[in-house]
Amino acid sequence: MIYPDGKALDKVFAATVKRGNKAAISAVIFDEEKILYEKHDGLINREDGIRPDGNSLYMIASNTKVLTTLGIMRLVEDGKLDLKDDIRKYIPEFSVRSRLGKKPMTIESFLMHRSGLVCDLYRYMIADGPVYTDIIEGLKDTYRTSLPGEMFSYSNLGYTLLGIVIERISGMKYVEFMNKHLFGPLEMEVHYCPEKELLEEVLPKTARSYDSKGKRVYDPLGCCIPAGSCTYTSIYDLMKIGQLILNKGKYKGRRIYRKKTIRLMEKLPVKDRWDEELAVIGHGLFHHKLFTDYQTGPFMGHGGNTVYHHSLFDFLPEEKLGIIVFSDFENAPALIGKLEKALLNEYLAQAGFAKKEKTIHREVPMDVTQHIGKYDMIAGPMSFVLGDDHRLHVYTADAEYTARMLDHGWMKLDSGKPAKELNESQRMIRDNLWRQVEYFGKEVLLMSSDGQEKAVGVRWKDPQINASWLEACGIYAPDEALIQEGYDGMELVLKDQELILTIRIIGEKLNYWLRVLNDQEAIVKGFGRNTGQTVTLKKDEEGWHLECDGVRGFRKIQEEDR
């Protein structure tokens, strides 16, 4: 790889970031042996005026999952585990409920986020007191969201279980095992703990957490689940993981992993045609994750987001090139994604990569009747309807569009309104492409965004809302134990004959469209992350109780709620 023109990359960095020094951003481009470019901006500690460098410690959140995967692969190499093993071989007391049969949940299905396990249980992620092994008991009350292997649905809890598997097999604590078998050989500095528990000696080089206004805060997701988040390391040290993978298991000439192990991590063992096309995860690494303006091989990698810390870790195995971007402030995810792509485009141009020819897709005649239908998405239903003008019209909760079929089989949706009159959700629908396909035997709606394709909806089913759920509509006070951790409660409403549950937690407002199963249970509609999970409803002398995502709400009996 060439050494790039650093000044040109600095200009791209400055033009993309364009902001005051509220907090910190760090970026590094590397090959299998060396750093090709690095840049650090802002302050990791605004109060003391400390600037970031390559050894600054950031919370890397879900990039920890790549580390956990390498821990699992160490056990595979040592012959102590097989990826096809049922997880209950190592955690026999683990169980979840099922309405879908009892197909085994394998180690591989957890690595690939296809186990059918729910994504999160917030009472274990943001509350003081629980330890990560408590989720085994907590999961007994949850239901499978799909059969293993039949829906990509990201699960933080799945990787926590993989961390427990590492402990059960090795007889060592997860952190101890990782230090001995991965971080020690790579000479990495890694800390697992919530932000408030960081050691005094590492605080001077640790990136603090800042909100969107630059105010110093504490990240509530610095939690007790070590195998999936809650990890501090530097950009230099995470780069060592990238170089280990680019060198097919070697680091500085020393073999740490077998070649076939790294190739197994790079493999995407899927069986469905559309699974091969979608932005999905194999053994701990996302595939088809990033697209630049230049002709390269496929990107792999991961990302990590807490409330205030955000990171990207991507590489091109064929070109032996990687990039990492870190940040420590709330409104950074879109910014670091834009920065990553801008830096890569500039580097690839300097390195002489050929620019992709821009394909202009033209409108073709549409057989409208083939596309009529309604789809459940986590953000609400999307309807494709034949209009009086014999064109396909698309309706969402707050907008109408007209569909045009393009020559590559995807639909473009036109809103008929100027961009300034559209909200963020409406612009997203207008700017992306849409397609209806059969996926694992289901009629599924796909969305393509900047080249990345994902399943977002499934054929709509009649809500069938009953009297209990109608009576239960209203505002729910939060569980007292979680109020201080950013949980603000729930609201259950009926709108346009759809039952919608809103959860306000850790600065986010989560809206779930529900399908009622009976007086006590409903499931979140849609396809993918957070869908298929069960919402429970109970009534006692205190009133109605709702539970979802592992948090509870208690119905306020007040006049304004009636």
Protein backbone atom coordinates (compact mmCIF):
# COMPACT_ATOMS: atom_id res chain seq x y z
CA MET A 1 0.00 0.00 0.00
CA ILE A 2 1.16 3.52 -0.73
CA TYR A 3 1.66 6.22 1.87
CA PRO A 4 -1.05 8.74 1.02
CA ASP A 5 -0.84 12.51 0.76
CA GLY A 6 -1.66 13.27 4.38
CA LYS A 7 -2.39 16.94 3.72
CA ALA A 8 -5.09 16.02 1.19
CA LEU A 9 -6.63 13.61 3.68
CA ASP A 10 -6.44 16.30 6.39
CA LYS A 11 -8.48 18.60 4.12
CA VAL A 12 -11.10 15.87 3.65
CA PHE A 13 -11.18 15.34 7.41
CA ALA A 14 -11.62 19.06 8.14
CA ALA A 15 -14.24 19.55 5.42
CA THR A 16 -16.28 16.58 6.68
CA VAL A 17 -16.10 17.28 10.40
CA LYS A 18 -16.74 21.05 10.20
CA ARG A 19 -17.48 21.61 13.85
CA GLY A 20 -16.17 23.15 17.03
CA ASN A 21 -14.11 21.04 19.41
CA LYS A 22 -17.01 19.82 21.54
CA ALA A 23 -15.51 16.37 21.93
CA ALA A 24 -13.21 13.93 20.15
CA ILE A 25 -12.91 12.07 16.86
CA SER A 26 -10.00 9.76 16.00
CA ALA A 27 -9.39 8.01 12.67
CA VAL A 28 -6.72 5.67 11.33
CA ILE A 29 -6.19 4.01 7.93
CA PHE A 30 -3.89 0.99 8.04
CA ASP A 31 -2.62 -1.97 6.08
CA GLU A 32 -1.45 -5.36 7.35
CA GLU A 33 1.78 -3.91 8.74
CA LYS A 34 1.62 -0.18 9.33
CA ILE A 35 -0.40 2.98 9.78
CA LEU A 36 -1.02 4.79 6.50
CA TYR A 37 -2.83 7.80 7.94
CA GLU A 38 -4.12 8.99 11.29
CA LYS A 39 -5.87 12.08 12.54
CA HIS A 40 -7.22 13.12 15.94
CA ASP A 41 -9.50 16.08 16.56
CA GLY A 42 -11.18 17.73 19.52
CA LEU A 43 -10.83 16.91 23.21
CA ILE A 44 -11.33 13.62 25.05
CA ASN A 45 -11.58 15.68 28.24
CA ARG A 46 -12.93 19.19 27.64
CA GLU A 47 -12.74 20.13 31.32
CA ASP A 48 -8.96 19.51 31.50
CA GLY A 49 -8.19 20.30 27.85
CA ILE A 50 -6.83 16.82 27.01
CA ARG A 51 -6.52 16.04 23.31
CA PRO A 52 -6.87 12.53 21.81
CA ASP A 53 -4.06 10.48 20.32
CA GLY A 54 -3.61 6.90 19.14
CA ASN A 55 -3.42 5.60 22.70
CA SER A 56 -6.57 7.35 23.96
CA LEU A 57 -9.13 4.89 25.35
CA TYR A 58 -12.63 4.99 23.83
CA MET A 59 -15.59 2.76 24.63
CA ILE A 60 -15.92 0.56 21.52
CA ALA A 61 -19.36 -0.93 22.37
CA SER A 62 -20.40 -3.68 19.93
CA ASN A 63 -16.99 -3.84 18.26
CA THR A 64 -16.36 -6.01 21.33
CA LYS A 65 -18.31 -8.71 19.50
CA VAL A 66 -15.38 -9.19 17.11
CA LEU A 67 -13.17 -9.82 20.15
CA THR A 68 -15.68 -12.29 21.60
CA THR A 69 -15.77 -14.12 18.26
CA LEU A 70 -12.01 -14.50 18.37
CA GLY A 71 -12.39 -15.92 21.88
CA ILE A 72 -14.89 -18.49 20.59
CA MET A 73 -12.58 -19.31 17.66
CA ARG A 74 -9.73 -19.98 20.09
CA LEU A 75 -11.90 -22.68 21.68
CA VAL A 76 -12.74 -24.05 18.22
CA GLU A 77 -9.03 -24.24 17.37
CA ASP A 78 -8.34 -26.04 20.65
CA GLY A 79 -11.01 -28.64 19.86
CA LYS A 80 -13.12 -27.65 22.87
CA LEU A 81 -16.15 -26.39 20.94
CA ASP A 82 -17.92 -26.97 17.63
CA LEU A 83 -19.90 -24.17 16.00
CA LYS A 84 -22.77 -26.62 15.36
CA ASP A 85 -23.10 -27.42 19.07
CA ASP A 86 -26.38 -26.61 20.82
CA ILE A 87 -25.63 -23.82 23.30
CA ARG A 88 -27.31 -25.90 26.02
CA LYS A 89 -24.35 -28.27 25.86
CA TYR A 90 -22.43 -25.56 27.72
CA ILE A 91 -25.28 -23.71 29.47
CA PRO A 92 -27.73 -26.55 30.22
CA GLU A 93 -29.98 -24.31 32.35
CA PHE A 94 -30.53 -21.90 29.43
CA SER A 95 -34.03 -21.90 27.93
CA VAL A 96 -36.47 -19.63 26.14
CA ARG A 97 -40.12 -20.13 25.35
CA SER A 98 -41.24 -20.90 21.83
CA ARG A 99 -44.34 -20.79 19.66
CA LEU A 100 -42.24 -21.93 16.70
CA GLY A 101 -40.88 -25.36 17.58
CA LYS A 102 -37.69 -26.48 19.28
CA LYS A 103 -34.94 -26.32 16.64
CA PRO A 104 -31.55 -26.18 18.47
CA MET A 105 -29.94 -22.77 18.97
CA THR A 106 -26.35 -23.41 17.92
CA ILE A 107 -23.17 -21.49 18.75
CA GLU A 108 -23.00 -20.49 15.08
CA SER A 109 -26.55 -19.10 15.14
CA PHE A 110 -25.58 -16.80 18.02
CA LEU A 111 -22.39 -15.66 16.25
CA MET A 112 -24.48 -14.80 13.17
CA HIS A 113 -27.40 -13.17 15.05
CA ARG A 114 -29.77 -15.80 13.70
CA SER A 115 -30.58 -17.66 16.91
CA GLY A 116 -34.09 -16.23 17.36
CA LEU A 117 -33.09 -14.65 20.70
CA VAL A 118 -34.46 -11.23 21.67
CA CYS A 119 -32.10 -8.28 21.25
CA ASP A 120 -32.05 -6.60 24.67
CA LEU A 121 -33.28 -6.81 28.24
CA TYR A 122 -32.72 -3.29 29.51
CA ARG A 123 -33.11 -4.13 33.18
CA TYR A 124 -29.78 -5.99 32.90
CA MET A 125 -28.12 -3.40 30.68
CA ILE A 126 -28.76 -0.11 32.46
CA ALA A 127 -29.53 -0.96 36.09
CA ASP A 128 -27.05 -1.26 38.91
CA GLY A 129 -26.99 -4.63 40.63
CA PRO A 130 -27.41 -7.39 38.02
CA VAL A 131 -24.42 -9.31 36.73
CA TYR A 132 -24.27 -10.64 33.17
CA THR A 133 -24.97 -14.24 34.17
CA ASP A 134 -28.39 -13.09 35.48
CA ILE A 135 -29.66 -12.94 31.90
CA ILE A 136 -29.85 -16.75 31.82
CA GLU A 137 -32.68 -16.60 34.32
CA GLY A 138 -34.22 -13.49 32.74
CA LEU A 139 -34.38 -15.06 29.28
CA LYS A 140 -36.57 -17.92 30.55
CA ASP A 141 -39.58 -15.59 30.33
CA THR A 142 -38.84 -14.51 26.74
CA TYR A 143 -39.98 -16.12 23.48
CA ARG A 144 -38.08 -16.97 20.34
CA THR A 145 -38.57 -14.30 17.69
CA SER A 146 -37.92 -16.76 14.85
CA LEU A 147 -36.58 -20.25 14.26
CA PRO A 148 -32.77 -20.35 14.31
CA GLY A 149 -31.34 -19.48 10.90
CA GLU A 150 -34.51 -17.94 9.48
CA MET A 151 -34.17 -14.26 10.35
CA PHE A 152 -31.16 -12.01 10.83
CA SER A 153 -32.03 -10.20 14.06
CA TYR A 154 -29.21 -8.50 15.93
CA SER A 155 -28.94 -9.61 19.57
CA ASN A 156 -26.67 -8.12 22.22
CA LEU A 157 -27.79 -10.85 24.62
CA GLY A 158 -26.65 -13.57 22.24
CA TYR A 159 -23.07 -12.41 22.56
CA THR A 160 -23.36 -12.22 26.33
CA LEU A 161 -24.28 -15.91 26.24
CA LEU A 162 -21.22 -16.57 24.07
CA GLY A 163 -19.11 -14.90 26.75
CA ILE A 164 -20.64 -17.24 29.33
CA VAL A 165 -19.85 -20.22 27.03
CA ILE A 166 -16.20 -19.09 27.02
CA GLU A 167 -16.25 -19.06 30.82
CA ARG A 168 -17.93 -22.46 31.14
CA ILE A 169 -15.49 -24.20 28.78
CA SER A 170 -12.29 -22.50 29.92
CA GLY A 171 -13.00 -22.35 33.65
CA MET A 172 -11.80 -18.74 33.54
CA LYS A 173 -13.59 -15.40 33.73
CA TYR A 174 -14.30 -13.94 30.29
CA VAL A 175 -11.92 -11.01 30.84
CA GLU A 176 -9.17 -13.30 32.17
CA PHE A 177 -9.53 -15.64 29.19
CA MET A 178 -9.42 -12.80 26.65
CA ASN A 179 -6.36 -11.25 28.31
CA LYS A 180 -4.50 -14.56 28.24
CA HIS A 181 -5.41 -15.76 24.75
CA LEU A 182 -5.85 -12.57 22.71
CA PHE A 183 -4.91 -9.29 24.33
CA GLY A 184 -1.68 -10.60 25.86
CA PRO A 185 -0.30 -12.05 22.61
CA LEU A 186 -1.23 -8.83 20.77
CA GLU A 187 0.04 -6.58 23.60
CA MET A 188 -3.31 -4.79 23.77
CA GLU A 189 -4.62 -2.62 26.60
CA VAL A 190 -8.30 -3.37 27.16
CA HIS A 191 -10.53 -2.41 30.10
CA TYR A 192 -13.97 -3.90 30.81
CA CYS A 193 -16.03 -1.79 33.18
CA PRO A 194 -18.66 0.94 33.35
CA GLU A 195 -17.36 4.47 32.87
CA LYS A 196 -17.75 5.37 36.55
CA GLU A 197 -15.49 2.45 37.55
CA LEU A 198 -12.46 3.25 35.39
CA LEU A 199 -9.14 3.11 37.22
CA GLU A 200 -7.54 6.41 38.25
CA GLU A 201 -4.38 5.63 36.30
CA VAL A 202 -6.23 5.29 32.98
CA LEU A 203 -8.60 8.26 33.39
CA PRO A 204 -6.18 10.85 31.92
CA LYS A 205 -6.19 9.04 28.57
CA THR A 206 -9.86 7.99 28.56
CA ALA A 207 -12.44 9.66 26.34
CA ARG A 208 -15.26 11.06 28.47
CA SER A 209 -18.90 11.09 27.31
CA TYR A 210 -20.57 14.25 25.96
CA ASP A 211 -24.11 14.98 24.86
CA SER A 212 -25.10 16.80 21.68
CA LYS A 213 -24.58 20.18 23.37
CA GLY A 214 -21.11 19.31 24.63
CA LYS A 215 -22.19 18.71 28.22
CA ARG A 216 -20.25 16.12 30.25
CA VAL A 217 -22.45 13.10 30.99
CA TYR A 218 -22.08 9.43 31.92
CA ASP A 219 -22.95 6.74 29.40
CA PRO A 220 -25.79 4.57 30.79
CA LEU A 221 -24.81 1.68 28.52
CA GLY A 222 -21.48 1.21 30.20
CA CYS A 223 -23.05 -1.87 31.67
CA CYS A 224 -22.48 -5.27 33.20
CA ILE A 225 -22.43 -7.22 29.92
CA PRO A 226 -18.74 -7.60 28.96
CA ALA A 227 -18.95 -9.90 25.95
CA GLY A 228 -21.03 -7.51 23.85
CA SER A 229 -20.09 -3.97 24.89
CA CYS A 230 -18.62 -2.09 27.88
CA THR A 231 -15.08 -2.20 26.50
CA TYR A 232 -12.40 0.50 26.45
CA THR A 233 -9.42 0.28 24.12
CA SER A 234 -7.37 2.54 21.85
CA ILE A 235 -7.46 2.98 18.11
CA TYR A 236 -3.91 1.58 17.94
CA ASP A 237 -4.92 -1.55 19.82
CA LEU A 238 -8.12 -2.24 17.87
CA MET A 239 -5.99 -1.81 14.73
CA LYS A 240 -3.99 -4.85 15.89
CA ILE A 241 -7.17 -6.94 15.59
CA GLY A 242 -7.61 -5.63 12.04
CA GLN A 243 -4.02 -6.47 11.15
CA LEU A 244 -4.39 -9.93 12.69
CA ILE A 245 -7.32 -10.59 10.34
CA LEU A 246 -5.64 -9.01 7.29
CA ASN A 247 -2.59 -11.24 7.92
CA LYS A 248 -4.81 -14.33 8.17
CA GLY A 249 -3.98 -15.00 11.82
CA LYS A 250 -0.46 -13.61 12.06
CA TYR A 251 0.70 -10.56 13.97
CA LYS A 252 4.25 -9.19 13.59
CA GLY A 253 5.30 -12.48 12.02
CA ARG A 254 3.92 -14.62 14.88
CA ARG A 255 1.05 -16.98 14.19
CA ILE A 256 -1.74 -16.31 16.69
CA TYR A 257 -4.58 -18.07 14.82
CA ARG A 258 -4.64 -20.62 12.04
CA LYS A 259 -5.29 -19.40 8.52
CA LYS A 260 -8.41 -21.53 8.23
CA THR A 261 -9.83 -19.95 11.39
CA ILE A 262 -9.67 -16.44 9.93
CA ARG A 263 -11.09 -17.73 6.66
CA LEU A 264 -13.95 -19.25 8.64
CA MET A 265 -14.60 -15.82 10.20
CA GLU A 266 -14.64 -14.28 6.72
CA LYS A 267 -17.09 -16.86 5.42
CA LEU A 268 -20.80 -16.10 5.09
CA PRO A 269 -22.52 -19.51 5.43
CA VAL A 270 -26.05 -18.62 4.38
CA LYS A 271 -28.53 -20.75 2.44
CA ASP A 272 -31.02 -18.23 1.09
CA ARG A 273 -30.40 -16.33 -2.16
CA TRP A 274 -31.40 -12.99 -0.66
CA ASP A 275 -29.35 -13.60 2.47
CA GLU A 276 -26.28 -13.59 0.23
CA GLU A 277 -27.24 -10.14 -1.08
CA LEU A 278 -28.25 -8.43 2.14
CA ALA A 279 -26.01 -6.56 4.59
CA VAL A 280 -25.67 -9.40 7.09
CA ILE A 281 -23.23 -10.87 9.57
CA GLY A 282 -21.24 -14.08 9.33
CA HIS A 283 -19.01 -15.32 12.16
CA GLY A 284 -18.72 -12.06 14.06
CA LEU A 285 -18.14 -9.85 10.99
CA PHE A 286 -20.62 -7.92 8.88
CA HIS A 287 -20.45 -8.46 5.12
CA HIS A 288 -21.37 -5.98 2.36
CA LYS A 289 -21.06 -3.37 5.10
CA LEU A 290 -19.64 -0.39 3.25
CA PHE A 291 -19.60 0.90 -0.32
CA THR A 292 -17.19 3.50 -1.71
CA ASP A 293 -16.96 5.25 -5.08
CA TYR A 294 -14.10 2.98 -6.20
CA GLN A 295 -13.80 -0.59 -7.42
CA THR A 296 -12.65 -2.80 -4.55
CA GLY A 297 -13.34 -6.18 -3.08
CA PRO A 298 -16.07 -6.53 -0.43
CA PHE A 299 -15.82 -4.77 2.91
CA MET A 300 -16.14 -6.59 6.21
CA GLY A 301 -16.16 -5.25 9.73
CA HIS A 302 -18.36 -4.14 12.58
CA GLY A 303 -19.54 -1.05 14.40
CA GLY A 304 -20.32 -0.01 17.93
CA ASN A 305 -22.77 2.44 19.46
CA THR A 306 -23.66 3.29 23.02
CA VAL A 307 -25.55 6.50 23.73
CA TYR A 308 -22.42 8.69 23.60
CA HIS A 309 -19.62 6.52 22.15
CA HIS A 310 -19.57 5.47 18.50
CA SER A 311 -17.02 3.50 16.49
CA LEU A 312 -16.51 1.97 13.05
CA PHE A 313 -14.08 -0.85 12.27
CA ASP A 314 -13.96 -1.91 8.60
CA PHE A 315 -11.48 -3.54 6.28
CA LEU A 316 -10.93 -4.89 2.78
CA PRO A 317 -9.44 -8.41 3.08
CA GLU A 318 -8.49 -8.60 -0.61
CA GLU A 319 -6.69 -5.24 -0.59
CA LYS A 320 -5.29 -5.67 2.96
CA LEU A 321 -6.60 -2.25 3.93
CA GLY A 322 -8.53 -1.15 7.03
CA ILE A 323 -10.02 1.92 8.69
CA ILE A 324 -11.18 2.71 12.23
CA VAL A 325 -13.06 5.81 13.41
CA PHE A 326 -13.87 6.60 17.07
CA SER A 327 -15.96 9.34 18.69
CA ASP A 328 -17.23 10.17 22.18
CA PHE A 329 -20.26 12.41 21.70
CA GLU A 330 -23.96 11.81 21.25
CA ASN A 331 -24.69 13.08 17.74
CA ALA A 332 -21.70 11.42 16.04
CA PRO A 333 -22.99 8.25 14.26
CA ALA A 334 -23.92 9.88 10.94
CA LEU A 335 -20.84 12.10 11.07
CA ILE A 336 -18.29 9.31 11.55
CA GLY A 337 -19.99 7.26 8.83
CA LYS A 338 -19.65 10.17 6.43
CA LEU A 339 -16.04 10.73 7.53
CA GLU A 340 -15.10 7.08 7.07
CA LYS A 341 -16.41 7.03 3.50
CA ALA A 342 -14.84 10.39 2.60
CA LEU A 343 -11.39 9.36 3.89
CA LEU A 344 -11.55 6.02 2.09
CA ASN A 345 -12.62 7.63 -1.18
CA GLU A 346 -9.69 10.04 -1.00
CA TYR A 347 -7.22 7.29 -0.14
CA LEU A 348 -8.48 4.93 -2.87
CA ALA A 349 -8.25 7.74 -5.43
CA GLN A 350 -4.64 8.44 -4.42
CA ALA A 351 -3.82 4.72 -4.52
CA GLY A 352 -4.97 4.51 -8.14
CA PHE A 353 -8.14 2.46 -7.72
CA ALA A 354 -10.53 2.73 -10.64
CA LYS A 355 -13.65 4.76 -10.04
CA LYS A 356 -16.95 2.93 -10.34
CA GLU A 357 -18.99 3.78 -13.36
CA LYS A 358 -22.16 5.41 -12.20
CA THR A 359 -25.10 3.27 -13.25
CA ILE A 360 -28.23 5.18 -14.14
CA HIS A 361 -31.26 2.97 -13.80
CA ARG A 362 -34.14 3.78 -16.05
CA GLU A 363 -37.85 3.45 -15.43
CA VAL A 364 -39.52 0.40 -16.97
CA PRO A 365 -43.19 -0.62 -17.22
CA MET A 366 -44.62 -2.05 -14.01
CA ASP A 367 -47.07 -4.89 -13.60
CA VAL A 368 -48.86 -3.09 -10.78
CA THR A 369 -50.93 -6.08 -9.67
CA GLN A 370 -47.80 -8.04 -8.71
CA HIS A 371 -46.85 -5.42 -6.13
CA ILE A 372 -50.14 -4.70 -4.40
CA GLY A 373 -49.96 -5.54 -0.71
CA LYS A 374 -49.40 -4.31 2.83
CA TYR A 375 -46.30 -4.90 4.94
CA ASP A 376 -45.72 -4.73 8.67
CA MET A 377 -42.57 -2.82 9.62
CA ILE A 378 -41.30 -1.98 13.07
CA ALA A 379 -41.98 1.69 12.27
CA GLY A 380 -45.53 1.04 11.09
CA PRO A 381 -47.35 -0.47 8.09
CA MET A 382 -46.50 0.30 4.46
CA SER A 383 -49.26 -0.23 1.87
CA PHE A 384 -48.90 -0.66 -1.91
CA VAL A 385 -52.26 0.18 -3.51
CA LEU A 386 -53.56 0.46 -7.06
CA GLY A 387 -54.77 4.04 -7.55
CA ASP A 388 -57.51 5.42 -9.75
CA ASP A 389 -54.77 6.56 -12.13
CA HIS A 390 -53.71 2.87 -12.53
CA ARG A 391 -50.39 3.61 -10.84
CA LEU A 392 -49.00 2.04 -7.70
CA HIS A 393 -49.41 4.34 -4.70
CA VAL A 394 -47.58 3.72 -1.43
CA TYR A 395 -48.95 4.82 1.94
CA THR A 396 -47.17 5.05 5.29
CA ALA A 397 -48.40 6.47 8.59
CA ASP A 398 -47.78 10.10 7.57
CA ALA A 399 -47.18 10.29 3.81
CA GLU A 400 -48.13 9.10 0.33
CA TYR A 401 -45.78 8.20 -2.54
CA THR A 402 -46.00 7.04 -6.15
CA ALA A 403 -43.90 4.03 -7.15
CA ARG A 404 -41.74 3.74 -10.26
CA MET A 405 -40.14 0.43 -11.31
CA LEU A 406 -36.49 0.63 -12.34
CA ASP A 407 -34.68 -1.73 -14.70
CA HIS A 408 -32.81 -3.60 -11.91
CA GLY A 409 -36.03 -4.68 -10.19
CA TRP A 410 -36.16 -2.07 -7.41
CA MET A 411 -38.83 0.60 -6.92
CA LYS A 412 -38.23 4.31 -6.45
CA LEU A 413 -40.87 6.17 -4.43
CA ASP A 414 -41.72 9.78 -5.33
CA SER A 415 -43.35 12.00 -2.73
CA GLY A 416 -44.39 14.87 -4.98
CA LYS A 417 -43.20 17.34 -2.31
CA PRO A 418 -40.00 19.39 -2.06
CA ALA A 419 -37.36 18.05 0.34
CA LYS A 420 -37.82 20.95 2.78
CA GLU A 421 -41.40 19.83 3.43
CA LEU A 422 -40.40 16.26 4.31
CA ASN A 423 -39.36 15.01 7.74
CA GLU A 424 -36.38 12.68 8.21
CA SER A 425 -38.46 9.51 7.93
CA GLN A 426 -40.19 10.71 4.77
CA ARG A 427 -36.87 11.64 3.15
CA MET A 428 -35.50 8.19 4.03
CA ILE A 429 -38.44 6.49 2.28
CA ARG A 430 -38.10 8.75 -0.76
CA ASP A 431 -34.31 8.42 -1.08
CA ASN A 432 -34.07 4.64 -0.71
CA LEU A 433 -35.12 1.82 -3.03
CA TRP A 434 -37.72 -0.85 -2.27
CA ARG A 435 -38.42 -4.41 -3.37
CA GLN A 436 -40.76 -7.28 -2.46
CA VAL A 437 -39.24 -10.78 -2.43
CA GLU A 438 -39.68 -14.24 -0.95
CA TYR A 439 -37.16 -14.65 1.86
CA PHE A 440 -36.98 -17.86 3.93
CA GLY A 441 -40.50 -18.67 2.74
CA LYS A 442 -41.98 -15.31 3.78
CA GLU A 443 -43.18 -12.38 1.69
CA VAL A 444 -40.70 -9.72 2.75
CA LEU A 445 -40.12 -6.05 1.95
CA LEU A 446 -36.50 -5.04 1.29
CA MET A 447 -34.94 -1.59 1.46
CA SER A 448 -31.72 -0.56 -0.30
CA SER A 449 -29.83 2.40 1.17
CA ASP A 450 -26.56 3.56 -0.40
CA GLY A 451 -25.97 0.06 -1.76
CA GLN A 452 -26.76 -1.71 1.53
CA GLU A 453 -29.83 -3.91 1.39
CA LYS A 454 -31.83 -5.19 4.34
CA ALA A 455 -35.17 -6.81 5.08
CA VAL A 456 -37.45 -4.35 6.88
CA GLY A 457 -40.99 -5.71 6.64
CA VAL A 458 -43.14 -8.80 6.28
CA ARG A 459 -46.63 -9.33 4.82
CA TRP A 460 -49.24 -7.59 6.99
CA LYS A 461 -51.60 -9.51 9.25
CA ASP A 462 -54.93 -8.28 10.61
CA PRO A 463 -54.27 -6.74 14.08
CA GLN A 464 -57.22 -8.48 15.84
CA ILE A 465 -57.10 -6.17 18.88
CA ASN A 466 -59.22 -7.38 21.82
CA ALA A 467 -60.99 -5.64 24.70
CA SER A 468 -58.18 -6.11 27.23
CA TRP A 469 -55.62 -4.30 25.12
CA LEU A 470 -58.08 -1.52 24.27
CA GLU A 471 -58.83 -1.00 27.95
CA ALA A 472 -55.12 -1.00 28.74
CA CYS A 473 -54.32 1.94 26.43
CA GLY A 474 -52.83 4.89 28.29
CA ILE A 475 -49.68 6.22 29.94
CA TYR A 476 -47.47 3.95 32.03
CA ALA A 477 -45.18 5.14 34.80
CA PRO A 478 -41.69 3.63 34.77
CA ASP A 479 -40.40 0.92 37.05
CA GLU A 480 -38.93 2.85 39.99
CA ALA A 481 -35.70 0.83 39.89
CA LEU A 482 -34.79 2.21 36.45
CA ILE A 483 -35.97 5.83 36.63
CA GLN A 484 -32.51 7.15 37.48
CA GLU A 485 -30.99 5.22 34.58
CA GLY A 486 -32.96 7.05 31.91
CA TYR A 487 -36.15 5.00 31.67
CA ASP A 488 -39.12 7.34 31.38
CA GLY A 489 -41.98 4.87 30.96
CA MET A 490 -44.34 3.75 28.20
CA GLU A 491 -47.46 4.74 26.34
CA LEU A 492 -49.92 2.39 24.65
CA VAL A 493 -52.25 3.94 22.05
CA LEU A 494 -54.64 2.88 19.32
CA LYS A 495 -54.15 4.83 16.08
CA ASP A 496 -55.74 4.04 12.71
CA GLN A 497 -56.74 0.60 14.07
CA GLU A 498 -53.10 -0.16 14.91
CA LEU A 499 -51.86 -0.74 18.46
CA ILE A 500 -48.64 1.21 19.09
CA LEU A 501 -46.35 0.94 22.11
CA THR A 502 -43.87 3.76 22.77
CA ILE A 503 -40.98 3.22 25.20
CA ARG A 504 -38.86 6.16 26.33
CA ILE A 505 -35.48 4.95 27.50
CA ILE A 506 -31.87 6.23 27.59
CA GLY A 507 -32.71 9.25 25.49
CA GLU A 508 -34.51 7.27 22.79
CA LYS A 509 -38.16 6.94 21.85
CA LEU A 510 -38.88 3.42 20.60
CA ASN A 511 -42.16 2.95 18.72
CA TYR A 512 -43.38 -0.63 18.27
CA TRP A 513 -46.46 -1.68 16.26
CA LEU A 514 -48.07 -4.68 17.95
CA ARG A 515 -50.06 -7.74 16.90
CA VAL A 516 -52.22 -9.09 19.74
CA LEU A 517 -52.08 -12.84 20.38
CA ASN A 518 -54.33 -13.09 23.45
CA ASP A 519 -55.35 -11.14 26.57
CA GLN A 520 -51.81 -11.25 27.98
CA GLU A 521 -49.46 -11.24 24.99
CA ALA A 522 -48.72 -9.30 21.83
CA ILE A 523 -45.70 -9.40 19.52
CA VAL A 524 -43.79 -6.58 17.84
CA LYS A 525 -44.58 -6.56 14.12
CA GLY A 526 -42.06 -6.30 11.29
CA PHE A 527 -38.91 -8.16 10.29
CA GLY A 528 -35.42 -8.01 11.82
CA ARG A 529 -34.03 -6.43 14.97
CA ASN A 530 -36.52 -6.08 17.86
CA THR A 531 -39.38 -7.63 15.86
CA GLY A 532 -41.10 -10.81 16.95
CA GLN A 533 -40.45 -10.12 20.63
CA THR A 534 -43.30 -10.49 23.08
CA VAL A 535 -44.98 -7.67 25.01
CA THR A 536 -46.85 -8.85 28.09
CA LEU A 537 -49.93 -7.31 29.71
CA LYS A 538 -51.20 -8.06 33.23
CA LYS A 539 -53.76 -6.55 35.57
CA ASP A 540 -53.88 -6.60 39.37
CA GLU A 541 -55.20 -4.37 42.16
CA GLU A 542 -52.69 -1.65 41.15
CA GLY A 543 -53.95 -1.57 37.57
CA TRP A 544 -52.39 -2.60 34.27
CA HIS A 545 -48.73 -3.65 33.93
CA LEU A 546 -46.82 -3.74 30.63
CA GLU A 547 -43.43 -5.35 30.06
CA CYS A 548 -41.24 -5.11 26.95
CA ASP A 549 -37.46 -5.22 26.33
CA GLY A 550 -37.02 -6.31 29.92
CA VAL A 551 -38.51 -3.14 31.43
CA ARG A 552 -41.90 -2.62 33.07
CA GLY A 553 -44.48 0.12 33.05
CA PHE A 554 -47.31 0.70 35.54
CA ARG A 555 -50.52 2.30 34.35
CA LYS A 556 -51.15 5.70 35.90
CA ILE A 557 -54.79 5.96 36.94
CA GLN A 558 -55.31 9.62 36.23
CA GLU A 559 -58.10 11.49 34.51
CA GLU A 560 -55.91 12.66 31.62
CA ASP A 561 -55.09 9.04 30.78
CA ARG A 562 -58.70 8.01 30.32
